[in-house]
Amino acid sequence: MSLSAILQATTVFGIIPIVDYVSQTSREDLSTVSKIVFDFINSIGFSVSMISLGLTLVIVILLRVLINFLENYFRFKTIYDYLKVFSVDFFSVVVRAKIPSFEMNTYGKLSNTLTNETQKMSAGMDALMKVVFSFVTVVAFASTMFFISPALSLLMGALGLILFFPITWLANSLKTFYQKKYVNNLNFLGDNTYNILSNIKLVKGFGNEEKSIKNLDGNISGLRDSIFRSSLTSSVNATLTEPLIFIIIVIIAYYSQNYLELGIPLLVAFMFSANRLGLFLNIFFTSLNQYYGYIPSYRQFFEIHSFLNQNKEKMHGKELKDFVNRINFDDVSFSYDSSNKVLNQATFNIKKGEKVAIVGESGAGKSTIIDLIMGFQKPTSGSISFDNANINELSSNSIRKIIGYVPQKPTLIPGTLRENFQWSKENITDEEINNILHRTDCMNFMSNLQEGLDTEIGNIGDKLSGGQIQRLCLARALGKNPGILILDEPTSSLDKKSEIEIKNLLENLKEITILCVTHRREIVENFDKTIFLDKGKASNI
């Protein structure tokens, strides 16, 4: 950028010889710049003429254009490379964070940071590069002007400082303030939109469509007001720059005419430089104002990134290759806060090949058992071990690789049915998928899906019941051939018929350890073991 800026200023020196030549100035009265240029042209075997002077200026301009193109190429490449780096790095930190720290940041805030604030950060880099480029260019033109007339240059610098500094400081402060409000409003909008759309049946069921629209309207109004004020601040700053520069140029012209003896060529060159300096000053202040507007995006990104990065899951550690013996809970206690223990010195074991049910009232700590086994949470006290290896010494990822997990809310990921199974096991074959579908009694309703495994999840709609979707989720979990199958309230939202189907399916699964959390004892009545949770205490029944 500095080379292009220097060439910008060099074009000024190409104008002075042309003005001297047109004015037919005598050799003795030529400016120093004109003498140097004339002597250079003569030294390479050409005579001084409008053609030779014009060609010299054109060559300098073309060289500047070429260098400017190359600078822009590398500038844009750097900006968009960093956009990718910011986005991928942030997403990586989010998915690798511990569940509790992940949940401390709302969906809207995380989603907005990933999709919007990272783009603003790359735009901020572009603005910062423009600030640097325009600053170097301003320095180059200022140096040219100082070479022509130190007195006029100092006067212009003093006027610029007096007129521009207060306005720029105020504009940048306001820009940062309003952009911070804008970022916060985007976070709230993301949260509100997600909550409404993901619970649309609940919204309609309570007849709260208009209330939801009103809430969203309030969010968007706040968003509009903050971005309007931010944009208006930038606009006022940019609008004032040009007339202030014009005022400075008029004062300079008046001063030079009445108090300095400056030749026409040098005055023309000085005024041209002043004009170009004003142009790049405008770019400088506008870009600086834009950069200040993006500072809240950087702050939010790095605050979340730093917090989540400090709370990463333990992905490294001893590898659990397989589950061969038992899971032991030894005096395990857990609490989300110091005043309320969810588990209180719970002791039990789960042997390989057993079907184990965990039952209890709502809030008894059933789902907490799953979170602890899968490493989503860590016990407050006591120990958990897999095959006599303490869970704290094991890689969380290696534990989850041997577990097939069916969450309480049956969820199929966007994509095809085949892609859902590939989510569980990347290299799974169609033959393996079909065997699992037969094993889980899914084939009897697969005929409703004309495209079979290529059916898009979004196209299923009402073709499948809740029980059928639950069975597909169970089939997906079995697709990875897990050593342990964990189900969290697998029948909580199913009708009686679907509940019986899931019960029979679980009982028919052989040679796999099953841990089923439920509050309906009838679906686990034939399990090998039932662990009852009551007020944080665990007992076998």
Protein backbone atom coordinates (compact mmCIF):
# COMPACT_ATOMS: atom_id res chain seq x y z
CA MET A 1 0.00 0.00 0.00
CA SER A 2 2.87 2.39 0.72
CA LEU A 3 4.24 2.05 -2.85
CA SER A 4 0.87 2.92 -4.37
CA ALA A 5 0.59 5.89 -2.01
CA ILE A 6 4.03 7.18 -3.02
CA LEU A 7 3.11 6.89 -6.71
CA GLN A 8 -0.11 8.81 -5.96
CA ALA A 9 2.01 11.70 -4.75
CA THR A 10 4.53 11.30 -7.59
CA THR A 11 1.86 12.22 -10.16
CA VAL A 12 1.88 15.71 -8.65
CA PHE A 13 5.48 16.18 -9.72
CA GLY A 14 4.42 15.16 -13.22
CA ILE A 15 2.04 18.12 -13.38
CA ILE A 16 4.62 20.81 -12.47
CA PRO A 17 6.84 20.30 -15.58
CA ILE A 18 3.77 20.32 -17.85
CA VAL A 19 2.59 23.65 -16.39
CA ASP A 20 6.12 25.09 -16.74
CA TYR A 21 6.33 23.86 -20.34
CA VAL A 22 2.91 25.28 -21.29
CA SER A 23 3.79 28.59 -19.59
CA GLN A 24 7.06 28.67 -21.60
CA THR A 25 8.99 29.41 -18.44
CA SER A 26 12.67 30.24 -19.01
CA ARG A 27 15.35 27.77 -17.86
CA GLU A 28 16.41 30.10 -15.07
CA ASP A 29 12.85 30.40 -13.71
CA LEU A 30 12.02 26.69 -13.88
CA SER A 31 11.12 24.97 -10.62
CA THR A 32 13.56 22.41 -9.25
CA VAL A 33 11.15 19.59 -10.13
CA SER A 34 10.85 20.74 -13.75
CA LYS A 35 14.63 20.98 -14.14
CA ILE A 36 15.06 17.40 -12.85
CA VAL A 37 12.36 16.03 -15.18
CA PHE A 38 13.63 17.96 -18.23
CA ASP A 39 17.20 16.79 -17.60
CA PHE A 40 16.01 13.18 -17.21
CA ILE A 41 14.12 13.24 -20.53
CA ASN A 42 17.15 14.73 -22.30
CA SER A 43 19.47 12.12 -20.72
CA ILE A 44 17.53 9.21 -22.26
CA GLY A 45 17.75 10.73 -25.74
CA PHE A 46 14.37 12.46 -26.07
CA SER A 47 13.57 16.11 -26.46
CA VAL A 48 11.30 17.87 -24.00
CA SER A 49 7.80 18.19 -25.48
CA MET A 50 4.17 17.74 -24.52
CA ILE A 51 4.36 14.20 -25.89
CA SER A 52 7.42 13.19 -23.84
CA LEU A 53 6.09 14.90 -20.71
CA GLY A 54 2.66 13.35 -21.21
CA LEU A 55 4.11 9.87 -21.80
CA THR A 56 6.19 10.17 -18.63
CA LEU A 57 3.09 11.05 -16.63
CA VAL A 58 1.02 8.27 -18.27
CA ILE A 59 3.71 5.66 -17.47
CA VAL A 60 3.73 6.72 -13.81
CA ILE A 61 -0.09 6.58 -13.68
CA LEU A 62 -0.25 3.13 -15.36
CA LEU A 63 2.37 1.83 -12.95
CA ARG A 64 0.32 3.18 -10.05
CA VAL A 65 -2.85 1.52 -11.41
CA LEU A 66 -1.08 -1.84 -11.77
CA ILE A 67 0.36 -1.70 -8.26
CA ASN A 68 -3.01 -0.59 -6.89
CA PHE A 69 -4.69 -3.61 -8.56
CA LEU A 70 -2.15 -6.01 -7.03
CA GLU A 71 -2.57 -4.40 -3.62
CA ASN A 72 -6.37 -4.77 -3.85
CA TYR A 73 -6.00 -8.41 -4.90
CA PHE A 74 -3.93 -9.27 -1.84
CA ARG A 75 -6.12 -7.09 0.38
CA PHE A 76 -9.34 -8.86 -0.62
CA LYS A 77 -7.71 -12.29 -0.43
CA THR A 78 -6.46 -11.56 3.09
CA ILE A 79 -9.86 -10.26 4.21
CA TYR A 80 -11.87 -13.25 2.99
CA ASP A 81 -9.26 -15.77 4.10
CA TYR A 82 -9.61 -14.32 7.59
CA LEU A 83 -13.41 -14.46 7.32
CA LYS A 84 -13.08 -18.22 6.86
CA VAL A 85 -10.55 -18.47 9.69
CA PHE A 86 -12.77 -16.45 12.07
CA SER A 87 -15.90 -18.49 11.24
CA VAL A 88 -14.35 -21.97 11.35
CA ASP A 89 -12.31 -21.18 14.47
CA PHE A 90 -15.34 -19.80 16.32
CA PHE A 91 -17.53 -22.78 15.36
CA SER A 92 -14.76 -25.17 16.47
CA VAL A 93 -14.49 -23.47 19.86
CA VAL A 94 -18.28 -23.59 20.30
CA VAL A 95 -18.72 -27.31 19.57
CA ARG A 96 -15.66 -28.26 21.63
CA ALA A 97 -16.78 -26.34 24.71
CA LYS A 98 -18.15 -27.99 27.83
CA ILE A 99 -21.93 -28.16 27.82
CA PRO A 100 -22.39 -25.88 30.90
CA SER A 101 -20.22 -23.12 29.42
CA PHE A 102 -21.93 -23.52 26.05
CA GLU A 103 -25.34 -23.07 27.68
CA MET A 104 -24.21 -19.84 29.38
CA ASN A 105 -24.33 -18.15 25.96
CA THR A 106 -27.71 -17.92 24.25
CA TYR A 107 -28.43 -19.45 20.86
CA GLY A 108 -29.09 -16.02 19.36
CA LYS A 109 -25.78 -14.62 20.60
CA LEU A 110 -23.76 -17.60 19.33
CA SER A 111 -25.59 -17.74 15.99
CA ASN A 112 -25.30 -13.99 15.44
CA THR A 113 -21.59 -14.05 16.26
CA LEU A 114 -20.96 -16.90 13.82
CA THR A 115 -23.07 -15.62 10.91
CA ASN A 116 -22.98 -11.82 11.27
CA GLU A 117 -20.23 -10.60 13.58
CA THR A 118 -17.49 -12.60 11.83
CA GLN A 119 -18.45 -10.90 8.56
CA LYS A 120 -18.29 -7.53 10.28
CA MET A 121 -14.85 -8.45 11.60
CA SER A 122 -13.61 -9.08 8.05
CA ALA A 123 -15.22 -5.79 7.01
CA GLY A 124 -13.42 -4.21 9.97
CA MET A 125 -10.12 -5.56 8.64
CA ASP A 126 -10.93 -4.00 5.27
CA ALA A 127 -11.71 -0.68 6.97
CA LEU A 128 -8.45 -0.88 8.94
CA MET A 129 -6.46 -1.56 5.75
CA LYS A 130 -8.13 1.46 4.14
CA VAL A 131 -7.20 3.53 7.19
CA VAL A 132 -3.55 2.49 6.81
CA PHE A 133 -3.53 3.02 3.03
CA SER A 134 -5.24 6.41 3.18
CA PHE A 135 -2.99 7.51 6.06
CA VAL A 136 0.18 6.60 4.11
CA THR A 137 -1.24 8.40 1.06
CA VAL A 138 -2.05 11.47 3.15
CA VAL A 139 1.50 11.45 4.53
CA ALA A 140 2.87 11.16 0.97
CA PHE A 141 0.82 14.12 -0.26
CA ALA A 142 1.59 16.10 2.89
CA SER A 143 5.31 15.49 2.30
CA THR A 144 4.92 16.68 -1.29
CA MET A 145 3.14 19.82 -0.11
CA PHE A 146 5.78 20.42 2.56
CA PHE A 147 8.46 20.15 -0.14
CA ILE A 148 6.59 22.77 -2.21
CA SER A 149 5.82 25.14 0.69
CA PRO A 150 6.53 24.39 4.37
CA ALA A 151 4.60 27.47 5.54
CA LEU A 152 1.39 26.57 3.68
CA SER A 153 1.70 22.94 4.81
CA LEU A 154 2.01 23.88 8.49
CA LEU A 155 -0.96 26.24 8.20
CA MET A 156 -3.04 23.53 6.56
CA GLY A 157 -2.05 20.99 9.24
CA ALA A 158 -3.03 23.36 12.05
CA LEU A 159 -6.41 24.12 10.46
CA GLY A 160 -7.06 20.41 9.87
CA LEU A 161 -6.28 19.55 13.49
CA ILE A 162 -8.56 22.29 14.84
CA LEU A 163 -11.48 21.49 12.53
CA PHE A 164 -11.33 17.70 12.24
CA PHE A 165 -10.20 16.33 15.61
CA PRO A 166 -13.32 17.19 17.71
CA ILE A 167 -15.72 16.00 15.00
CA THR A 168 -13.82 12.75 14.41
CA TRP A 169 -13.55 11.94 18.12
CA LEU A 170 -17.27 12.52 18.69
CA ALA A 171 -18.30 10.59 15.56
CA ASN A 172 -16.14 7.57 16.44
CA SER A 173 -17.41 7.48 20.03
CA LEU A 174 -21.04 7.60 18.89
CA LYS A 175 -20.41 5.01 16.19
CA THR A 176 -18.98 2.53 18.72
CA PHE A 177 -21.88 3.16 21.14
CA TYR A 178 -24.63 2.62 18.55
CA GLN A 179 -22.91 -0.39 16.96
CA LYS A 180 -22.70 -2.06 20.37
CA LYS A 181 -26.46 -1.59 20.76
CA TYR A 182 -26.92 -2.95 17.24
CA VAL A 183 -24.94 -6.12 18.02
CA ASN A 184 -26.93 -6.68 21.24
CA ASN A 185 -30.20 -6.19 19.36
CA LEU A 186 -29.09 -8.75 16.77
CA ASN A 187 -28.40 -11.22 19.59
CA PHE A 188 -31.89 -10.69 21.04
CA LEU A 189 -33.51 -10.95 17.61
CA GLY A 190 -31.76 -14.29 16.98
CA ASP A 191 -32.96 -15.63 20.33
CA ASN A 192 -36.52 -14.44 19.83
CA THR A 193 -36.77 -15.77 16.27
CA TYR A 194 -35.37 -19.16 17.25
CA ASN A 195 -37.69 -19.48 20.26
CA ILE A 196 -40.77 -18.59 18.22
CA LEU A 197 -40.04 -20.80 15.21
CA SER A 198 -38.84 -23.80 17.22
CA ASN A 199 -41.99 -23.63 19.37
CA ILE A 200 -44.48 -22.62 16.68
CA LYS A 201 -47.08 -25.19 17.80
CA LEU A 202 -46.90 -23.84 21.35
CA VAL A 203 -47.28 -20.27 20.05
CA LYS A 204 -50.35 -21.21 18.03
CA GLY A 205 -51.71 -23.49 20.75
CA PHE A 206 -51.86 -20.57 23.19
CA GLY A 207 -53.14 -18.19 20.52
CA ASN A 208 -50.07 -15.99 20.93
CA GLU A 209 -49.38 -15.23 17.27
CA GLU A 210 -50.03 -11.51 17.68
CA LYS A 211 -48.04 -11.37 20.91
CA SER A 212 -45.10 -13.02 19.17
CA ILE A 213 -45.33 -10.58 16.27
CA LYS A 214 -45.43 -7.67 18.73
CA ASN A 215 -42.32 -8.95 20.54
CA LEU A 216 -40.48 -9.43 17.26
CA ASP A 217 -41.58 -5.98 16.11
CA GLY A 218 -40.04 -4.53 19.28
CA ASN A 219 -36.76 -6.34 18.61
CA ILE A 220 -36.61 -5.15 15.01
CA SER A 221 -37.51 -1.59 16.03
CA GLY A 222 -34.54 -1.56 18.41
CA LEU A 223 -32.37 -2.97 15.63
CA ARG A 224 -33.58 -0.31 13.20
CA ASP A 225 -33.03 2.55 15.65
CA SER A 226 -29.47 1.52 16.52
CA ILE A 227 -28.33 0.97 12.91
CA PHE A 228 -30.11 4.18 11.81
CA ARG A 229 -28.23 6.25 14.40
CA SER A 230 -24.96 4.49 13.59
CA SER A 231 -25.38 5.12 9.85
CA LEU A 232 -26.47 8.72 10.45
CA THR A 233 -23.33 9.33 12.52
CA SER A 234 -21.14 8.06 9.67
CA SER A 235 -23.10 10.10 7.14
CA VAL A 236 -22.77 13.36 9.10
CA ASN A 237 -19.05 12.76 9.59
CA ALA A 238 -18.51 12.08 5.87
CA THR A 239 -20.74 15.00 4.82
CA LEU A 240 -18.87 17.52 6.98
CA THR A 241 -15.45 16.41 5.74
CA GLU A 242 -15.78 17.83 2.21
CA PRO A 243 -16.93 21.37 3.11
CA LEU A 244 -14.31 21.60 5.87
CA ILE A 245 -11.61 20.63 3.38
CA PHE A 246 -12.96 23.25 0.95
CA ILE A 247 -12.81 25.92 3.68
CA ILE A 248 -9.18 24.97 4.38
CA ILE A 249 -8.29 25.18 0.66
CA VAL A 250 -9.89 28.65 0.36
CA ILE A 251 -7.92 29.88 3.39
CA ILE A 252 -4.73 28.40 1.90
CA ALA A 253 -5.36 30.06 -1.48
CA TYR A 254 -6.01 33.43 0.19
CA TYR A 255 -2.90 33.15 2.36
CA SER A 256 -0.62 32.12 -0.52
CA GLN A 257 -1.87 34.96 -2.74
CA ASN A 258 -1.42 37.67 -0.13
CA TYR A 259 1.53 36.56 1.96
CA LEU A 260 3.67 34.20 -0.13
CA GLU A 261 5.45 34.47 -3.45
CA LEU A 262 4.69 31.08 -4.98
CA GLY A 263 4.96 30.51 -8.73
CA ILE A 264 1.93 29.37 -10.72
CA PRO A 265 3.27 25.80 -11.35
CA LEU A 266 4.04 25.25 -7.67
CA LEU A 267 0.73 26.77 -6.57
CA VAL A 268 -1.15 24.52 -9.02
CA ALA A 269 0.79 21.49 -7.74
CA PHE A 270 0.17 22.48 -4.12
CA MET A 271 -3.58 22.96 -4.68
CA PHE A 272 -3.80 19.68 -6.61
CA SER A 273 -2.00 17.94 -3.74
CA ALA A 274 -4.30 19.62 -1.25
CA ASN A 275 -7.32 18.40 -3.22
CA ARG A 276 -5.99 14.82 -3.32
CA LEU A 277 -5.01 15.01 0.33
CA GLY A 278 -8.55 16.10 1.14
CA LEU A 279 -9.94 13.15 -0.82
CA PHE A 280 -7.81 10.65 1.08
CA LEU A 281 -8.46 12.42 4.37
CA ASN A 282 -12.15 11.81 3.69
CA ILE A 283 -11.42 8.13 3.04
CA PHE A 284 -9.26 8.00 6.18
CA PHE A 285 -11.88 9.47 8.50
CA THR A 286 -14.74 7.50 6.92
CA SER A 287 -12.80 4.22 7.19
CA LEU A 288 -11.71 5.03 10.73
CA ASN A 289 -15.32 5.69 11.67
CA GLN A 290 -16.34 2.37 10.08
CA TYR A 291 -13.60 0.54 11.96
CA TYR A 292 -14.77 1.97 15.29
CA GLY A 293 -18.24 0.72 14.38
CA TYR A 294 -16.94 -2.83 14.09
CA ILE A 295 -15.12 -2.82 17.45
CA PRO A 296 -18.20 -4.22 19.34
CA SER A 297 -18.18 -7.19 16.93
CA TYR A 298 -14.53 -7.89 17.75
CA ARG A 299 -15.23 -7.56 21.47
CA GLN A 300 -18.17 -9.97 21.42
CA PHE A 301 -16.26 -12.48 19.28
CA PHE A 302 -13.16 -12.55 21.47
CA GLU A 303 -15.10 -12.47 24.76
CA ILE A 304 -17.10 -15.57 23.80
CA HIS A 305 -14.10 -17.20 22.10
CA SER A 306 -11.87 -16.68 25.14
CA PHE A 307 -14.51 -17.94 27.59
CA LEU A 308 -15.33 -21.08 25.61
CA ASN A 309 -11.68 -21.76 24.83
CA GLN A 310 -10.92 -21.73 28.57
CA ASN A 311 -13.74 -24.23 29.10
CA LYS A 312 -12.93 -26.81 26.45
CA GLU A 313 -13.84 -30.43 26.94
CA LYS A 314 -11.04 -32.86 27.60
CA MET A 315 -10.64 -34.40 24.16
CA HIS A 316 -7.21 -35.79 24.99
CA GLY A 317 -6.57 -38.49 27.54
CA LYS A 318 -6.62 -42.23 27.88
CA GLU A 319 -8.55 -43.84 25.03
CA LEU A 320 -11.46 -46.11 25.96
CA LYS A 321 -11.25 -48.70 23.17
CA ASP A 322 -14.28 -50.75 24.19
CA PHE A 323 -16.66 -51.42 27.05
CA VAL A 324 -15.81 -54.84 28.49
CA ASN A 325 -16.81 -54.90 32.16
CA ARG A 326 -18.85 -52.29 34.03
CA ILE A 327 -19.58 -48.63 34.80
CA ASN A 328 -19.21 -47.77 38.49
CA PHE A 329 -20.75 -44.81 40.34
CA ASP A 330 -19.01 -44.51 43.71
CA ASP A 331 -20.54 -41.98 46.17
CA VAL A 332 -21.27 -39.59 43.31
CA SER A 333 -22.77 -36.23 44.20
CA PHE A 334 -23.72 -33.48 41.81
CA SER A 335 -25.28 -30.04 42.12
CA TYR A 336 -25.81 -27.14 39.75
CA ASP A 337 -25.41 -24.82 42.73
CA SER A 338 -24.25 -25.26 46.31
CA SER A 339 -27.76 -25.13 47.81
CA ASN A 340 -29.41 -28.00 45.93
CA LYS A 341 -27.88 -31.45 45.41
CA VAL A 342 -29.33 -33.25 42.40
CA LEU A 343 -27.39 -36.42 43.30
CA ASN A 344 -26.28 -37.23 46.83
CA GLN A 345 -23.63 -39.96 47.22
CA ALA A 346 -25.20 -42.19 44.57
CA THR A 347 -23.57 -45.62 44.34
CA PHE A 348 -24.45 -48.26 41.73
CA ASN A 349 -22.98 -50.14 38.78
CA ILE A 350 -23.99 -51.07 35.25
CA LYS A 351 -22.55 -54.34 33.97
CA LYS A 352 -21.81 -55.12 30.34
CA GLY A 353 -24.83 -56.68 28.61
CA GLU A 354 -27.33 -55.55 31.28
CA LYS A 355 -30.54 -53.72 30.54
CA VAL A 356 -30.69 -51.09 33.28
CA ALA A 357 -33.54 -48.70 33.95
CA ILE A 358 -33.20 -45.46 35.90
CA VAL A 359 -36.56 -44.31 37.23
CA GLY A 360 -37.77 -41.57 39.52
CA GLU A 361 -39.94 -38.51 39.69
CA SER A 362 -39.32 -35.43 37.58
CA GLY A 363 -36.24 -33.58 38.85
CA ALA A 364 -34.89 -36.64 40.67
CA GLY A 365 -31.64 -36.53 38.66
CA LYS A 366 -32.32 -39.17 36.00
CA SER A 367 -31.07 -37.13 33.04
CA THR A 368 -28.13 -35.96 35.16
CA ILE A 369 -26.94 -39.60 35.28
CA ILE A 370 -26.79 -39.57 31.46
CA ASP A 371 -24.97 -36.23 31.41
CA LEU A 372 -22.37 -37.58 33.85
CA ILE A 373 -21.81 -40.83 31.94
CA MET A 374 -21.41 -38.99 28.63
CA GLY A 375 -19.12 -36.40 30.16
CA PHE A 376 -21.47 -33.47 29.61
CA GLN A 377 -21.16 -32.72 33.33
CA LYS A 378 -18.56 -33.57 35.99
CA PRO A 379 -19.46 -34.91 39.46
CA THR A 380 -19.14 -32.51 42.38
CA SER A 381 -17.67 -35.34 44.44
CA GLY A 382 -17.21 -39.08 44.20
CA SER A 383 -15.97 -40.96 41.16
CA ILE A 384 -17.25 -42.55 37.95
CA SER A 385 -15.25 -45.25 36.20
CA PHE A 386 -15.42 -47.25 32.98
CA ASP A 387 -13.76 -50.67 33.39
CA ASN A 388 -11.88 -49.34 36.46
CA ALA A 389 -10.57 -46.30 34.54
CA ASN A 390 -11.59 -42.99 36.15
CA ILE A 391 -13.74 -40.95 33.78
CA ASN A 392 -11.60 -37.86 34.48
CA GLU A 393 -8.60 -39.64 32.97
CA LEU A 394 -10.45 -40.69 29.82
CA SER A 395 -10.92 -38.80 26.58
CA SER A 396 -14.54 -37.58 26.43
CA ASN A 397 -14.61 -38.31 22.72
CA SER A 398 -13.52 -41.94 23.19
CA ILE A 399 -16.33 -42.48 25.72
CA ARG A 400 -18.96 -41.15 23.32
CA LYS A 401 -17.65 -43.26 20.45
CA ILE A 402 -18.80 -46.43 22.24
CA ILE A 403 -22.21 -44.95 23.14
CA GLY A 404 -25.34 -44.81 21.02
CA TYR A 405 -27.42 -41.88 22.27
CA VAL A 406 -31.16 -41.29 21.81
CA PRO A 407 -32.17 -37.92 23.32
CA GLN A 408 -35.50 -37.20 24.96
CA LYS A 409 -36.74 -35.23 21.97
CA PRO A 410 -36.38 -37.43 18.84
CA THR A 411 -34.56 -35.29 16.30
CA LEU A 412 -33.52 -36.14 12.76
CA ILE A 413 -30.84 -33.82 11.41
CA PRO A 414 -31.46 -31.91 8.13
CA GLY A 415 -30.52 -33.93 5.06
CA THR A 416 -31.48 -37.39 3.81
CA LEU A 417 -32.16 -40.47 5.91
CA ARG A 418 -28.89 -41.93 4.63
CA GLU A 419 -27.03 -38.82 5.80
CA ASN A 420 -28.60 -39.27 9.24
CA PHE A 421 -27.05 -42.72 9.50
CA GLN A 422 -23.75 -41.39 8.14
CA TRP A 423 -23.86 -38.83 10.94
CA SER A 424 -23.72 -41.78 13.33
CA LYS A 425 -21.17 -43.79 11.32
CA GLU A 426 -19.47 -42.07 8.41
CA ASN A 427 -18.69 -45.14 6.30
CA ILE A 428 -21.91 -47.08 6.94
CA THR A 429 -23.21 -48.99 3.91
CA ASP A 430 -26.78 -49.19 2.59
CA GLU A 431 -26.79 -52.89 3.45
CA GLU A 432 -25.90 -52.12 7.07
CA ILE A 433 -28.59 -49.43 7.21
CA ASN A 434 -31.26 -51.78 5.86
CA ASN A 435 -30.26 -54.50 8.34
CA ILE A 436 -30.65 -52.02 11.21
CA LEU A 437 -34.00 -50.82 9.84
CA HIS A 438 -35.22 -54.45 9.80
CA ARG A 439 -33.85 -54.99 13.29
CA THR A 440 -35.73 -51.97 14.65
CA ASP A 441 -39.00 -52.72 12.78
CA CYS A 442 -38.70 -49.61 10.63
CA MET A 443 -39.16 -51.31 7.24
CA ASN A 444 -42.92 -51.60 7.64
CA PHE A 445 -43.32 -47.82 7.34
CA MET A 446 -40.37 -47.11 5.03
CA SER A 447 -42.70 -47.92 2.11
CA ASN A 448 -44.38 -44.57 2.80
CA LEU A 449 -41.14 -42.87 1.76
CA GLN A 450 -40.97 -43.14 -2.04
CA GLU A 451 -37.32 -42.12 -2.21
CA GLY A 452 -36.27 -44.48 0.56
CA LEU A 453 -32.91 -43.60 2.08
CA ASP A 454 -32.67 -40.60 -0.25
CA THR A 455 -35.77 -39.02 1.30
CA GLU A 456 -35.08 -35.52 2.57
CA ILE A 457 -36.00 -35.14 6.23
CA GLY A 458 -37.74 -31.85 5.45
CA ASN A 459 -40.07 -33.71 3.05
CA ILE A 460 -41.25 -36.28 5.61
CA GLY A 461 -43.77 -33.89 7.18
CA ASP A 462 -46.70 -35.81 8.64
CA LYS A 463 -45.86 -39.10 6.88
CA LEU A 464 -44.35 -40.56 10.06
CA SER A 465 -45.70 -40.73 13.60
CA GLY A 466 -43.77 -39.76 16.70
CA GLY A 467 -43.10 -43.43 17.44
CA GLN A 468 -41.78 -44.05 13.93
CA ILE A 469 -39.42 -41.07 14.18
CA GLN A 470 -38.31 -42.33 17.59
CA ARG A 471 -37.54 -45.73 16.06
CA LEU A 472 -35.51 -44.09 13.30
CA CYS A 473 -33.52 -42.20 15.95
CA LEU A 474 -32.96 -45.49 17.77
CA ALA A 475 -31.88 -47.13 14.49
CA ARG A 476 -29.46 -44.26 13.87
CA ALA A 477 -27.93 -44.75 17.32
CA LEU A 478 -27.51 -48.47 16.65
CA GLY A 479 -25.89 -47.66 13.31
CA LYS A 480 -22.54 -47.02 15.01
CA ASN A 481 -22.68 -50.50 16.60
CA PRO A 482 -22.27 -49.08 20.13
CA GLY A 483 -21.22 -50.97 23.22
CA ILE A 484 -23.73 -48.98 25.28
CA LEU A 485 -27.15 -47.68 24.23
CA ILE A 486 -28.47 -44.72 26.25
CA LEU A 487 -32.08 -43.56 25.95
CA ASP A 488 -33.46 -40.49 27.69
CA GLU A 489 -37.25 -40.75 28.22
CA PRO A 490 -37.76 -42.60 24.91
CA THR A 491 -41.56 -42.72 25.24
CA SER A 492 -42.27 -39.37 26.91
CA SER A 493 -44.18 -37.93 23.94
CA LEU A 494 -45.62 -41.16 22.47
CA ASP A 495 -49.09 -42.69 22.53
CA LYS A 496 -49.75 -46.06 24.16
CA LYS A 497 -49.37 -48.05 20.94
CA SER A 498 -46.01 -46.43 20.08
CA GLU A 499 -44.87 -46.89 23.68
CA ILE A 500 -45.53 -50.64 23.50
CA GLU A 501 -43.67 -50.83 20.18
CA ILE A 502 -40.58 -49.17 21.70
CA LYS A 503 -40.84 -51.41 24.81
CA ASN A 504 -40.87 -54.58 22.70
CA LEU A 505 -38.05 -53.29 20.54
CA LEU A 506 -35.79 -52.62 23.54
CA GLU A 507 -36.51 -56.04 25.04
CA ASN A 508 -35.57 -57.75 21.76
CA LEU A 509 -32.19 -56.01 21.47
CA LYS A 510 -29.51 -58.53 22.41
CA GLU A 511 -25.81 -58.36 23.24
CA ILE A 512 -25.84 -54.66 24.03
CA THR A 513 -25.79 -52.74 27.30
CA ILE A 514 -28.88 -50.56 27.60
CA LEU A 515 -29.38 -47.67 29.99
CA CYS A 516 -32.89 -46.27 29.81
CA VAL A 517 -34.01 -43.23 31.78
CA THR A 518 -37.78 -43.08 32.23
CA HIS A 519 -40.53 -42.21 34.65
CA ARG A 520 -42.79 -44.98 33.21
CA ARG A 521 -41.83 -48.20 34.95
CA GLU A 522 -44.07 -50.36 32.76
CA ILE A 523 -41.79 -50.03 29.72
CA VAL A 524 -38.77 -51.34 31.67
CA GLU A 525 -40.52 -54.00 33.75
CA ASN A 526 -38.51 -56.78 32.09
CA PHE A 527 -35.12 -55.06 32.43
CA ASP A 528 -32.33 -56.75 34.40
CA LYS A 529 -31.98 -53.95 36.92
CA THR A 530 -33.88 -50.84 38.00
CA ILE A 531 -32.18 -47.98 39.82
CA PHE A 532 -34.63 -45.74 41.67
CA LEU A 533 -33.70 -42.13 42.34
CA ASP A 534 -35.35 -40.23 45.17
CA LYS A 535 -34.11 -36.90 46.48
CA GLY A 536 -30.67 -37.50 45.03
CA LYS A 537 -30.27 -40.97 46.54
CA ALA A 538 -29.96 -44.10 44.36
CA SER A 539 -31.26 -47.55 45.30
CA ASN A 540 -31.75 -50.85 43.45
CA ILE A 541 -35.30 -52.16 43.26
